[in-house]
């Protein structure tokens, strides 16, 4: 498999997406770097591997997604954590229902599951 040419502009856009930021200044704040660094990386198309590796590790981001745009955004560990949180939320909501309402909700959920 041939990898795409590395380009900081695309990496920057994926960081914007993940962090929900719109400016290089906001991106710099989230990465804990000087805004001038982000500007320099963009202008020179330099990839700060040390900063990005640490960021991926800290936030459970798939490194290949960030660098190459390949695969899922989050590592499996982060996805499992998100699903557990979602499951706990749903269990809390369903546990307060009457028995007949629980059966109805479970029936609805079962019909939504792919075969």
PDB file of N, CA and C in Angstrom:
ATOM      1  N   UNK A   1       0.849  -1.180   0.000  1.00  0.00           N
ATOM      2  CA  UNK A   1       0.000   0.000   0.000  1.00  0.00           C
ATOM      3  C   UNK A   1       0.895   1.243   0.000  1.00  0.00           C
ATOM      4  N   UNK A   2       0.631   2.169  -0.886  1.00  0.00           N
ATOM      5  CA  UNK A   2       1.384   3.411  -0.974  1.00  0.00           C
ATOM      6  C   UNK A   2       0.744   4.456  -0.075  1.00  0.00           C
ATOM      7  N   UNK A   3       1.542   5.041   0.775  1.00  0.00           N
ATOM      8  CA  UNK A   3       1.040   6.081   1.673  1.00  0.00           C
ATOM      9  C   UNK A   3       0.999   7.412   0.936  1.00  0.00           C
ATOM     10  N   UNK A   4       0.065   8.251   1.375  1.00  0.00           N
ATOM     11  CA  UNK A   4      -0.037   9.598   0.807  1.00  0.00           C
ATOM     12  C   UNK A   4       1.167  10.423   1.234  1.00  0.00           C
ATOM     13  N   UNK A   5       1.498  11.420   0.446  1.00  0.00           N
ATOM     14  CA  UNK A   5       2.561  12.352   0.809  1.00  0.00           C
ATOM     15  C   UNK A   5       2.131  13.087   2.081  1.00  0.00           C
ATOM     16  N   UNK A   6       3.041  13.174   3.022  1.00  0.00           N
ATOM     17  CA  UNK A   6       2.727  13.846   4.280  1.00  0.00           C
ATOM     18  C   UNK A   6       2.620  15.348   4.055  1.00  0.00           C
ATOM     19  N   UNK A   7       1.620  15.921   4.664  1.00  0.00           N
ATOM     20  CA  UNK A   7       1.321  17.329   4.448  1.00  0.00           C
ATOM     21  C   UNK A   7       0.742  17.908   5.733  1.00  0.00           C
ATOM     22  N   UNK A   8       1.424  18.876   6.336  1.00  0.00           N
ATOM     23  CA  UNK A   8       0.948  19.436   7.597  1.00  0.00           C
ATOM     24  C   UNK A   8      -0.428  20.085   7.462  1.00  0.00           C
ATOM     25  N   UNK A   9      -0.752  20.616   6.309  1.00  0.00           N
ATOM     26  CA  UNK A   9      -2.059  21.262   6.115  1.00  0.00           C
ATOM     27  C   UNK A   9      -3.186  20.262   6.388  1.00  0.00           C
ATOM     28  N   UNK A  10      -3.047  19.029   5.883  1.00  0.00           N
ATOM     29  CA  UNK A  10      -4.081  18.016   6.116  1.00  0.00           C
ATOM     30  C   UNK A  10      -4.100  17.549   7.564  1.00  0.00           C
ATOM     31  N   UNK A  11      -2.926  17.409   8.149  1.00  0.00           N
ATOM     32  CA  UNK A  11      -2.846  17.042   9.565  1.00  0.00           C
ATOM     33  C   UNK A  11      -3.510  18.130  10.408  1.00  0.00           C
ATOM     34  N   UNK A  12      -3.231  19.371  10.081  1.00  0.00           N
ATOM     35  CA  UNK A  12      -3.820  20.512  10.795  1.00  0.00           C
ATOM     36  C   UNK A  12      -5.344  20.470  10.703  1.00  0.00           C
ATOM     37  N   UNK A  13      -5.885  20.143   9.541  1.00  0.00           N
ATOM     38  CA  UNK A  13      -7.341  20.072   9.375  1.00  0.00           C
ATOM     39  C   UNK A  13      -7.939  18.954  10.241  1.00  0.00           C
ATOM     40  N   UNK A  14      -7.233  17.828  10.337  1.00  0.00           N
ATOM     41  CA  UNK A  14      -7.731  16.742  11.191  1.00  0.00           C
ATOM     42  C   UNK A  14      -7.664  17.144  12.668  1.00  0.00           C
ATOM     43  N   UNK A  15      -6.626  17.883  13.049  1.00  0.00           N
ATOM     44  CA  UNK A  15      -6.555  18.396  14.416  1.00  0.00           C
ATOM     45  C   UNK A  15      -7.696  19.374  14.687  1.00  0.00           C
ATOM     46  N   UNK A  16      -7.978  20.243  13.726  1.00  0.00           N
ATOM     47  CA  UNK A  16      -9.106  21.175  13.857  1.00  0.00           C
ATOM     48  C   UNK A  16     -10.398  20.387  14.088  1.00  0.00           C
ATOM     49  N   UNK A  17     -10.573  19.329  13.314  1.00  0.00           N
ATOM     50  CA  UNK A  17     -11.793  18.509  13.427  1.00  0.00           C
ATOM     51  C   UNK A  17     -11.885  17.870  14.807  1.00  0.00           C
ATOM     52  N   UNK A  18     -10.809  17.221  15.234  1.00  0.00           N
ATOM     53  CA  UNK A  18     -10.835  16.528  16.517  1.00  0.00           C
ATOM     54  C   UNK A  18     -11.037  17.491  17.677  1.00  0.00           C
ATOM     55  N   UNK A  19     -10.348  18.614  17.645  1.00  0.00           N
ATOM     56  CA  UNK A  19     -10.387  19.567  18.760  1.00  0.00           C
ATOM     57  C   UNK A  19     -11.518  20.576  18.654  1.00  0.00           C
ATOM     58  N   UNK A  20     -12.205  20.568  17.518  1.00  0.00           N
ATOM     59  CA  UNK A  20     -13.286  21.519  17.271  1.00  0.00           C
ATOM     60  C   UNK A  20     -12.800  22.958  17.445  1.00  0.00           C
ATOM     61  N   UNK A  21     -11.696  23.269  16.757  1.00  0.00           N
ATOM     62  CA  UNK A  21     -11.149  24.625  16.762  1.00  0.00           C
ATOM     63  C   UNK A  21     -11.173  25.176  15.348  1.00  0.00           C
ATOM     64  N   UNK A  22     -11.055  26.488  15.239  1.00  0.00           N
ATOM     65  CA  UNK A  22     -11.148  27.125  13.928  1.00  0.00           C
ATOM     66  C   UNK A  22      -9.929  27.988  13.576  1.00  0.00           C
ATOM     67  N   UNK A  23      -9.030  28.197  14.546  1.00  0.00           N
ATOM     68  CA  UNK A  23      -7.868  29.051  14.284  1.00  0.00           C
ATOM     69  C   UNK A  23      -6.581  28.359  14.741  1.00  0.00           C
ATOM     70  N   UNK A  24      -5.475  28.793  14.160  1.00  0.00           N
ATOM     71  CA  UNK A  24      -4.176  28.261  14.571  1.00  0.00           C
ATOM     72  C   UNK A  24      -3.863  28.633  16.019  1.00  0.00           C
ATOM     73  N   UNK A  25      -4.329  29.788  16.454  1.00  0.00           N
ATOM     74  CA  UNK A  25      -4.104  30.200  17.849  1.00  0.00           C
ATOM     75  C   UNK A  25      -4.802  29.233  18.805  1.00  0.00           C
ATOM     76  N   UNK A  26      -6.064  28.877  18.481  1.00  0.00           N
ATOM     77  CA  UNK A  26      -6.790  27.908  19.315  1.00  0.00           C
ATOM     78  C   UNK A  26      -6.103  26.543  19.282  1.00  0.00           C
ATOM     79  N   UNK A  27      -5.638  26.152  18.100  1.00  0.00           N
ATOM     80  CA  UNK A  27      -4.924  24.879  17.964  1.00  0.00           C
ATOM     81  C   UNK A  27      -3.663  24.884  18.826  1.00  0.00           C
ATOM     82  N   UNK A  28      -2.912  25.961  18.784  1.00  0.00           N
ATOM     83  CA  UNK A  28      -1.694  26.080  19.588  1.00  0.00           C
ATOM     84  C   UNK A  28      -2.005  25.943  21.072  1.00  0.00           C
ATOM     85  N   UNK A  29      -3.080  26.589  21.512  1.00  0.00           N
ATOM     86  CA  UNK A  29      -3.472  26.494  22.924  1.00  0.00           C
ATOM     87  C   UNK A  29      -3.774  25.057  23.309  1.00  0.00           C
ATOM     88  N   UNK A  30      -4.498  24.337  22.447  1.00  0.00           N
ATOM     89  CA  UNK A  30      -4.858  22.940  22.732  1.00  0.00           C
ATOM     90  C   UNK A  30      -3.634  22.026  22.722  1.00  0.00           C
ATOM     91  N   UNK A  31      -2.647  22.354  21.879  1.00  0.00           N
ATOM     92  CA  UNK A  31      -1.426  21.551  21.799  1.00  0.00           C
ATOM     93  C   UNK A  31      -0.376  21.988  22.818  1.00  0.00           C
ATOM     94  N   UNK A  32      -0.661  23.065  23.547  1.00  0.00           N
ATOM     95  CA  UNK A  32       0.275  23.631  24.527  1.00  0.00           C
ATOM     96  C   UNK A  32       1.593  24.047  23.878  1.00  0.00           C
ATOM     97  N   UNK A  33       1.475  24.711  22.739  1.00  0.00           N
ATOM     98  CA  UNK A  33       2.658  25.243  22.055  1.00  0.00           C
ATOM     99  C   UNK A  33       2.421  26.709  21.732  1.00  0.00           C
ATOM    100  N   UNK A  34       3.478  27.389  21.402  1.00  0.00           N
ATOM    101  CA  UNK A  34       3.398  28.789  21.011  1.00  0.00           C
ATOM    102  C   UNK A  34       2.687  28.890  19.648  1.00  0.00           C
ATOM    103  N   UNK A  35       1.769  29.841  19.479  1.00  0.00           N
ATOM    104  CA  UNK A  35       1.104  30.004  18.181  1.00  0.00           C
ATOM    105  C   UNK A  35       2.072  30.182  17.013  1.00  0.00           C
ATOM    106  N   UNK A  36       3.238  30.764  17.281  1.00  0.00           N
ATOM    107  CA  UNK A  36       4.238  30.927  16.225  1.00  0.00           C
ATOM    108  C   UNK A  36       4.735  29.580  15.703  1.00  0.00           C
ATOM    109  N   UNK A  37       4.746  28.563  16.578  1.00  0.00           N
ATOM    110  CA  UNK A  37       5.163  27.223  16.147  1.00  0.00           C
ATOM    111  C   UNK A  37       4.193  26.678  15.102  1.00  0.00           C
ATOM    112  N   UNK A  38       2.912  26.793  15.365  1.00  0.00           N
ATOM    113  CA  UNK A  38       1.909  26.289  14.420  1.00  0.00           C
ATOM    114  C   UNK A  38       2.034  27.026  13.096  1.00  0.00           C
ATOM    115  N   UNK A  39       2.228  28.323  13.154  1.00  0.00           N
ATOM    116  CA  UNK A  39       2.400  29.122  11.942  1.00  0.00           C
ATOM    117  C   UNK A  39       3.638  28.664  11.164  1.00  0.00           C
ATOM    118  N   UNK A  40       4.701  28.409  11.873  1.00  0.00           N
ATOM    119  CA  UNK A  40       5.947  27.960  11.248  1.00  0.00           C
ATOM    120  C   UNK A  40       5.766  26.581  10.604  1.00  0.00           C
ATOM    121  N   UNK A  41       5.087  25.670  11.319  1.00  0.00           N
ATOM    122  CA  UNK A  41       4.838  24.335  10.765  1.00  0.00           C
ATOM    123  C   UNK A  41       4.034  24.427   9.475  1.00  0.00           C
ATOM    124  N   UNK A  42       3.032  25.315   9.489  1.00  0.00           N
ATOM    125  CA  UNK A  42       2.168  25.477   8.312  1.00  0.00           C
ATOM    126  C   UNK A  42       2.965  26.054   7.139  1.00  0.00           C
ATOM    127  N   UNK A  43       3.698  27.116   7.399  1.00  0.00           N
ATOM    128  CA  UNK A  43       4.452  27.797   6.321  1.00  0.00           C
ATOM    129  C   UNK A  43       5.527  26.905   5.720  1.00  0.00           C
ATOM    130  N   UNK A  44       6.179  26.115   6.559  1.00  0.00           N
ATOM    131  CA  UNK A  44       7.286  25.274   6.088  1.00  0.00           C
ATOM    132  C   UNK A  44       6.843  23.840   5.755  1.00  0.00           C
ATOM    133  N   UNK A  45       5.556  23.550   5.996  1.00  0.00           N
ATOM    134  CA  UNK A  45       5.025  22.193   5.825  1.00  0.00           C
ATOM    135  C   UNK A  45       5.867  21.189   6.616  1.00  0.00           C
ATOM    136  N   UNK A  46       6.154  21.575   7.872  1.00  0.00           N
ATOM    137  CA  UNK A  46       6.935  20.757   8.786  1.00  0.00           C
ATOM    138  C   UNK A  46       5.980  19.999   9.705  1.00  0.00           C
ATOM    139  N   UNK A  47       6.278  18.745   9.932  1.00  0.00           N
ATOM    140  CA  UNK A  47       5.423  17.928  10.796  1.00  0.00           C
ATOM    141  C   UNK A  47       6.133  17.720  12.133  1.00  0.00           C
ATOM    142  N   UNK A  48       5.547  18.212  13.232  1.00  0.00           N
ATOM    143  CA  UNK A  48       6.167  18.084  14.559  1.00  0.00           C
ATOM    144  C   UNK A  48       5.848  16.712  15.171  1.00  0.00           C
ATOM    145  N   UNK A  49       6.565  15.691  14.731  1.00  0.00           N
ATOM    146  CA  UNK A  49       6.253  14.325  15.140  1.00  0.00           C
ATOM    147  C   UNK A  49       6.227  14.148  16.654  1.00  0.00           C
ATOM    148  N   UNK A  50       7.146  14.771  17.363  1.00  0.00           N
ATOM    149  CA  UNK A  50       7.182  14.615  18.819  1.00  0.00           C
ATOM    150  C   UNK A  50       5.910  15.148  19.464  1.00  0.00           C
ATOM    151  N   UNK A  51       5.456  16.314  19.031  1.00  0.00           N
ATOM    152  CA  UNK A  51       4.236  16.926  19.584  1.00  0.00           C
ATOM    153  C   UNK A  51       3.019  16.074  19.234  1.00  0.00           C
ATOM    154  N   UNK A  52       2.946  15.609  17.997  1.00  0.00           N
ATOM    155  CA  UNK A  52       1.783  14.836  17.548  1.00  0.00           C
ATOM    156  C   UNK A  52       1.733  13.447  18.183  1.00  0.00           C
ATOM    157  N   UNK A  53       2.882  12.832  18.367  1.00  0.00           N
ATOM    158  CA  UNK A  53       2.919  11.513  19.014  1.00  0.00           C
ATOM    159  C   UNK A  53       2.418  11.615  20.445  1.00  0.00           C
ATOM    160  N   UNK A  54       2.897  12.612  21.164  1.00  0.00           N
ATOM    161  CA  UNK A  54       2.454  12.828  22.546  1.00  0.00           C
ATOM    162  C   UNK A  54       0.952  13.136  22.592  1.00  0.00           C
ATOM    163  N   UNK A  55       0.491  13.958  21.670  1.00  0.00           N
ATOM    164  CA  UNK A  55      -0.927  14.336  21.614  1.00  0.00           C
ATOM    165  C   UNK A  55      -1.795  13.105  21.356  1.00  0.00           C
ATOM    166  N   UNK A  56      -1.401  12.267  20.409  1.00  0.00           N
ATOM    167  CA  UNK A  56      -2.167  11.050  20.093  1.00  0.00           C
ATOM    168  C   UNK A  56      -2.240  10.139  21.312  1.00  0.00           C
ATOM    169  N   UNK A  57      -1.122   9.974  21.980  1.00  0.00           N
ATOM    170  CA  UNK A  57      -1.087   9.113  23.158  1.00  0.00           C
ATOM    171  C   UNK A  57      -1.991   9.662  24.268  1.00  0.00           C
ATOM    172  N   UNK A  58      -1.921  10.941  24.498  1.00  0.00           N
ATOM    173  CA  UNK A  58      -2.700  11.579  25.572  1.00  0.00           C
ATOM    174  C   UNK A  58      -4.206  11.487  25.320  1.00  0.00           C
ATOM    175  N   UNK A  59      -4.617  11.591  24.045  1.00  0.00           N
ATOM    176  CA  UNK A  59      -6.042  11.650  23.712  1.00  0.00           C
ATOM    177  C   UNK A  59      -6.582  10.373  23.060  1.00  0.00           C
ATOM    178  N   UNK A  60      -5.777   9.307  23.060  1.00  0.00           N
ATOM    179  CA  UNK A  60      -6.178   8.031  22.452  1.00  0.00           C
ATOM    180  C   UNK A  60      -6.606   8.182  20.996  1.00  0.00           C
ATOM    181  N   UNK A  61      -5.872   9.005  20.266  1.00  0.00           N
ATOM    182  CA  UNK A  61      -6.156   9.213  18.846  1.00  0.00           C
ATOM    183  C   UNK A  61      -5.315   8.233  18.030  1.00  0.00           C
ATOM    184  N   UNK A  62      -5.906   7.713  16.980  1.00  0.00           N
ATOM    185  CA  UNK A  62      -5.209   6.827  16.062  1.00  0.00           C
ATOM    186  C   UNK A  62      -4.163   7.656  15.302  1.00  0.00           C
ATOM    187  N   UNK A  63      -2.900   7.337  15.522  1.00  0.00           N
ATOM    188  CA  UNK A  63      -1.791   8.083  14.910  1.00  0.00           C
ATOM    189  C   UNK A  63      -1.887   8.064  13.381  1.00  0.00           C
ATOM    190  N   UNK A  64      -2.265   6.919  12.804  1.00  0.00           N
ATOM    191  CA  UNK A  64      -2.352   6.823  11.345  1.00  0.00           C
ATOM    192  C   UNK A  64      -3.488   7.682  10.793  1.00  0.00           C
ATOM    193  N   UNK A  65      -4.560   7.825  11.571  1.00  0.00           N
ATOM    194  CA  UNK A  65      -5.639   8.721  11.147  1.00  0.00           C
ATOM    195  C   UNK A  65      -5.123  10.157  11.115  1.00  0.00           C
ATOM    196  N   UNK A  66      -4.422  10.563  12.180  1.00  0.00           N
ATOM    197  CA  UNK A  66      -3.950  11.940  12.255  1.00  0.00           C
ATOM    198  C   UNK A  66      -2.907  12.242  11.180  1.00  0.00           C
ATOM    199  N   UNK A  67      -1.941  11.377  11.013  1.00  0.00           N
ATOM    200  CA  UNK A  67      -0.839  11.644  10.090  1.00  0.00           C
ATOM    201  C   UNK A  67      -1.230  11.391   8.631  1.00  0.00           C
ATOM    202  N   UNK A  68      -1.869  10.252   8.370  1.00  0.00           N
ATOM    203  CA  UNK A  68      -2.152   9.858   6.984  1.00  0.00           C
ATOM    204  C   UNK A  68      -3.619   9.986   6.574  1.00  0.00           C
ATOM    205  N   UNK A  69      -4.517  10.201   7.565  1.00  0.00           N
ATOM    206  CA  UNK A  69      -5.946  10.243   7.240  1.00  0.00           C
ATOM    207  C   UNK A  69      -6.519   8.864   7.018  1.00  0.00           C
ATOM    208  N   UNK A  70      -5.873   7.833   7.559  1.00  0.00           N
ATOM    209  CA  UNK A  70      -6.305   6.444   7.367  1.00  0.00           C
ATOM    210  C   UNK A  70      -6.858   5.873   8.668  1.00  0.00           C
ATOM    211  N   UNK A  71      -7.913   5.088   8.541  1.00  0.00           N
ATOM    212  CA  UNK A  71      -8.473   4.412   9.708  1.00  0.00           C
ATOM    213  C   UNK A  71      -9.429   5.292  10.481  1.00  0.00           C
ATOM    214  N   UNK A  72      -9.798   4.797  11.662  1.00  0.00           N
ATOM    215  CA  UNK A  72     -10.724   5.514  12.540  1.00  0.00           C
ATOM    216  C   UNK A  72      -9.990   6.598  13.316  1.00  0.00           C
ATOM    217  N   UNK A  73     -10.718   7.624  13.701  1.00  0.00           N
ATOM    218  CA  UNK A  73     -10.129   8.733  14.444  1.00  0.00           C
ATOM    219  C   UNK A  73      -9.576   8.271  15.793  1.00  0.00           C
ATOM    220  N   UNK A  74     -10.348   7.471  16.505  1.00  0.00           N
ATOM    221  CA  UNK A  74      -9.961   7.073  17.856  1.00  0.00           C
ATOM    222  C   UNK A  74      -9.394   5.663  17.885  1.00  0.00           C
ATOM    223  N   UNK A  75      -8.494   5.424  18.821  1.00  0.00           N
ATOM    224  CA  UNK A  75      -8.005   4.073  19.063  1.00  0.00           C
ATOM    225  C   UNK A  75      -9.126   3.240  19.645  1.00  0.00           C
ATOM    226  N   UNK A  76      -8.992   1.947  19.572  1.00  0.00           N
ATOM    227  CA  UNK A  76     -10.019   1.050  20.109  1.00  0.00           C
ATOM    228  C   UNK A  76     -10.265   1.322  21.585  1.00  0.00           C
ATOM    229  N   UNK A  77      -9.206   1.609  22.340  1.00  0.00           N
ATOM    230  CA  UNK A  77      -9.338   1.862  23.777  1.00  0.00           C
ATOM    231  C   UNK A  77     -10.259   3.052  24.033  1.00  0.00           C
ATOM    232  N   UNK A  78     -10.114   4.102  23.265  1.00  0.00           N
ATOM    233  CA  UNK A  78     -10.957   5.286  23.432  1.00  0.00           C
ATOM    234  C   UNK A  78     -12.397   4.976  23.033  1.00  0.00           C
ATOM    235  N   UNK A  79     -12.556   4.179  21.980  1.00  0.00           N
ATOM    236  CA  UNK A  79     -13.900   3.812  21.533  1.00  0.00           C
ATOM    237  C   UNK A  79     -14.594   2.955  22.587  1.00  0.00           C
ATOM    238  N   UNK A  80     -13.871   2.044  23.210  1.00  0.00           N
ATOM    239  CA  UNK A  80     -14.441   1.211  24.277  1.00  0.00           C
ATOM    240  C   UNK A  80     -14.864   2.083  25.449  1.00  0.00           C
ATOM    241  N   UNK A  81     -14.028   3.047  25.813  1.00  0.00           N
ATOM    242  CA  UNK A  81     -14.352   3.958  26.917  1.00  0.00           C
ATOM    243  C   UNK A  81     -15.623   4.751  26.607  1.00  0.00           C
ATOM    244  N   UNK A  82     -15.741   5.230  25.360  1.00  0.00           N
ATOM    245  CA  UNK A  82     -16.915   5.991  24.953  1.00  0.00           C
ATOM    246  C   UNK A  82     -18.167   5.118  24.995  1.00  0.00           C
ATOM    247  N   UNK A  83     -18.062   3.882  24.524  1.00  0.00           N
ATOM    248  CA  UNK A  83     -19.208   2.972  24.517  1.00  0.00           C
ATOM    249  C   UNK A  83     -19.644   2.606  25.934  1.00  0.00           C
ATOM    250  N   UNK A  84     -18.678   2.408  26.831  1.00  0.00           N
ATOM    251  CA  UNK A  84     -19.020   2.108  28.228  1.00  0.00           C
ATOM    252  C   UNK A  84     -19.774   3.274  28.857  1.00  0.00           C
ATOM    253  N   UNK A  85     -19.318   4.481  28.588  1.00  0.00           N
ATOM    254  CA  UNK A  85     -19.974   5.675  29.126  1.00  0.00           C
ATOM    255  C   UNK A  85     -21.395   5.779  28.581  1.00  0.00           C
ATOM    256  N   UNK A  86     -21.548   5.528  27.282  1.00  0.00           N
ATOM    257  CA  UNK A  86     -22.864   5.573  26.645  1.00  0.00           C
ATOM    258  C   UNK A  86     -23.773   4.488  27.220  1.00  0.00           C
ATOM    259  N   UNK A  87     -23.220   3.299  27.447  1.00  0.00           N
ATOM    260  CA  UNK A  87     -23.987   2.194  27.999  1.00  0.00           C
ATOM    261  C   UNK A  87     -24.459   2.511  29.422  1.00  0.00           C
ATOM    262  N   UNK A  88     -23.578   3.070  30.229  1.00  0.00           N
ATOM    263  CA  UNK A  88     -23.941   3.447  31.598  1.00  0.00           C
ATOM    264  C   UNK A  88     -25.060   4.479  31.585  1.00  0.00           C
ATOM    265  N   UNK A  89     -24.981   5.431  30.679  1.00  0.00           N
ATOM    266  CA  UNK A  89     -26.019   6.446  30.540  1.00  0.00           C
ATOM    267  C   UNK A  89     -27.367   5.791  30.211  1.00  0.00           C
ATOM    268  N   UNK A  90     -27.347   4.886  29.223  1.00  0.00           N
ATOM    269  CA  UNK A  90     -28.593   4.224  28.807  1.00  0.00           C
ATOM    270  C   UNK A  90     -29.167   3.347  29.919  1.00  0.00           C
ATOM    271  N   UNK A  91     -28.291   2.632  30.627  1.00  0.00           N
ATOM    272  CA  UNK A  91     -28.760   1.797  31.730  1.00  0.00           C
ATOM    273  C   UNK A  91     -29.445   2.636  32.795  1.00  0.00           C
ATOM    274  N   UNK A  92     -28.888   3.806  33.071  1.00  0.00           N
ATOM    275  CA  UNK A  92     -29.495   4.706  34.050  1.00  0.00           C
ATOM    276  C   UNK A  92     -30.871   5.173  33.621  1.00  0.00           C
ATOM    277  N   UNK A  93     -31.033   5.470  32.339  1.00  0.00           N
ATOM    278  CA  UNK A  93     -32.326   5.922  31.826  1.00  0.00           C
ATOM    279  C   UNK A  93     -33.354   4.799  31.847  1.00  0.00           C
ATOM    280  N   UNK A  94     -32.952   3.602  31.430  1.00  0.00           N
ATOM    281  CA  UNK A  94     -33.883   2.477  31.336  1.00  0.00           C
ATOM    282  C   UNK A  94     -34.253   1.955  32.725  1.00  0.00           C
ATOM    283  N   UNK A  95     -33.336   2.001  33.673  1.00  0.00           N
ATOM    284  CA  UNK A  95     -33.599   1.435  35.003  1.00  0.00           C
ATOM    285  C   UNK A  95     -34.758   2.135  35.726  1.00  0.00           C
ATOM    286  N   UNK A  96     -35.047   3.364  35.362  1.00  0.00           N
ATOM    287  CA  UNK A  96     -36.129   4.107  36.014  1.00  0.00           C
ATOM    288  C   UNK A  96     -37.495   3.858  35.381  1.00  0.00           C
ATOM    289  N   UNK A  97     -37.554   3.062  34.325  1.00  0.00           N
ATOM    290  CA  UNK A  97     -38.817   2.816  33.627  1.00  0.00           C
ATOM    291  C   UNK A  97     -39.606   1.693  34.291  1.00  0.00           C
ATOM    292  N   UNK A  98     -40.919   1.700  34.045  1.00  0.00           N
ATOM    293  CA  UNK A  98     -41.769   0.587  34.475  1.00  0.00           C
ATOM    294  C   UNK A  98     -41.408  -0.632  33.634  1.00  0.00           C
ATOM    295  N   UNK A  99     -41.724  -1.826  34.153  1.00  0.00           N
ATOM    296  CA  UNK A  99     -41.359  -3.078  33.494  1.00  0.00           C
ATOM    297  C   UNK A  99     -41.870  -3.131  32.062  1.00  0.00           C
ATOM    298  N   UNK A 100     -43.133  -2.761  31.833  1.00  0.00           N
ATOM    299  CA  UNK A 100     -43.687  -2.831  30.466  1.00  0.00           C
ATOM    300  C   UNK A 100     -42.994  -1.835  29.525  1.00  0.00           C
ATOM    301  N   UNK A 101     -42.588  -0.682  30.068  1.00  0.00           N
ATOM    302  CA  UNK A 101     -41.866   0.298  29.253  1.00  0.00           C
ATOM    303  C   UNK A 101     -40.458  -0.204  28.921  1.00  0.00           C
ATOM    304  N   UNK A 102     -39.810  -0.899  29.889  1.00  0.00           N
ATOM    305  CA  UNK A 102     -38.489  -1.474  29.635  1.00  0.00           C
ATOM    306  C   UNK A 102     -38.575  -2.488  28.496  1.00  0.00           C
ATOM    307  N   UNK A 103     -39.594  -3.335  28.535  1.00  0.00           N
ATOM    308  CA  UNK A 103     -39.762  -4.342  27.482  1.00  0.00           C
ATOM    309  C   UNK A 103     -39.956  -3.676  26.129  1.00  0.00           C
ATOM    310  N   UNK A 104     -40.712  -2.590  26.098  1.00  0.00           N
ATOM    311  CA  UNK A 104     -40.949  -1.882  24.848  1.00  0.00           C
ATOM    312  C   UNK A 104     -39.638  -1.286  24.309  1.00  0.00           C
ATOM    313  N   UNK A 105     -38.854  -0.663  25.184  1.00  0.00           N
ATOM    314  CA  UNK A 105     -37.588  -0.056  24.768  1.00  0.00           C
ATOM    315  C   UNK A 105     -36.629  -1.138  24.263  1.00  0.00           C
ATOM    316  N   UNK A 106     -36.526  -2.236  24.982  1.00  0.00           N
ATOM    317  CA  UNK A 106     -35.644  -3.332  24.568  1.00  0.00           C
ATOM    318  C   UNK A 106     -36.082  -3.874  23.210  1.00  0.00           C
ATOM    319  N   UNK A 107     -37.380  -4.018  23.004  1.00  0.00           N
ATOM    320  CA  UNK A 107     -37.903  -4.479  21.714  1.00  0.00           C
ATOM    321  C   UNK A 107     -37.525  -3.518  20.591  1.00  0.00           C
ATOM    322  N   UNK A 108     -37.625  -2.225  20.857  1.00  0.00           N
ATOM    323  CA  UNK A 108     -37.263  -1.219  19.856  1.00  0.00           C
ATOM    324  C   UNK A 108     -35.775  -1.305  19.514  1.00  0.00           C
ATOM    325  N   UNK A 109     -34.953  -1.456  20.525  1.00  0.00           N
ATOM    326  CA  UNK A 109     -33.502  -1.536  20.326  1.00  0.00           C
ATOM    327  C   UNK A 109     -33.156  -2.799  19.525  1.00  0.00           C
ATOM    328  N   UNK A 110     -33.787  -3.907  19.864  1.00  0.00           N
ATOM    329  CA  UNK A 110     -33.506  -5.157  19.139  1.00  0.00           C
ATOM    330  C   UNK A 110     -33.870  -5.039  17.663  1.00  0.00           C
ATOM    331  N   UNK A 111     -34.928  -4.307  17.340  1.00  0.00           N
ATOM    332  CA  UNK A 111     -35.312  -4.132  15.935  1.00  0.00           C
ATOM    333  C   UNK A 111     -34.303  -3.237  15.191  1.00  0.00           C
ATOM    334  N   UNK A 112     -33.569  -2.398  15.903  1.00  0.00           N
ATOM    335  CA  UNK A 112     -32.588  -1.514  15.275  1.00  0.00           C
ATOM    336  C   UNK A 112     -31.273  -2.220  14.969  1.00  0.00           C
ATOM    337  N   UNK A 113     -30.976  -3.308  15.659  1.00  0.00           N
ATOM    338  CA  UNK A 113     -29.697  -3.989  15.480  1.00  0.00           C
ATOM    339  C   UNK A 113     -29.604  -4.597  14.090  1.00  0.00           C
ATOM    340  N   UNK A 114     -28.439  -4.446  13.456  1.00  0.00           N
ATOM    341  CA  UNK A 114     -28.249  -5.057  12.132  1.00  0.00           C
ATOM    342  C   UNK A 114     -28.231  -6.564  12.228  1.00  0.00           C
ATOM    343  N   UNK A 115     -28.673  -7.217  11.194  1.00  0.00           N
ATOM    344  CA  UNK A 115     -28.746  -8.690  11.192  1.00  0.00           C
ATOM    345  C   UNK A 115     -27.424  -9.301  10.878  1.00  0.00           C
TER     346      UNK A 115
END
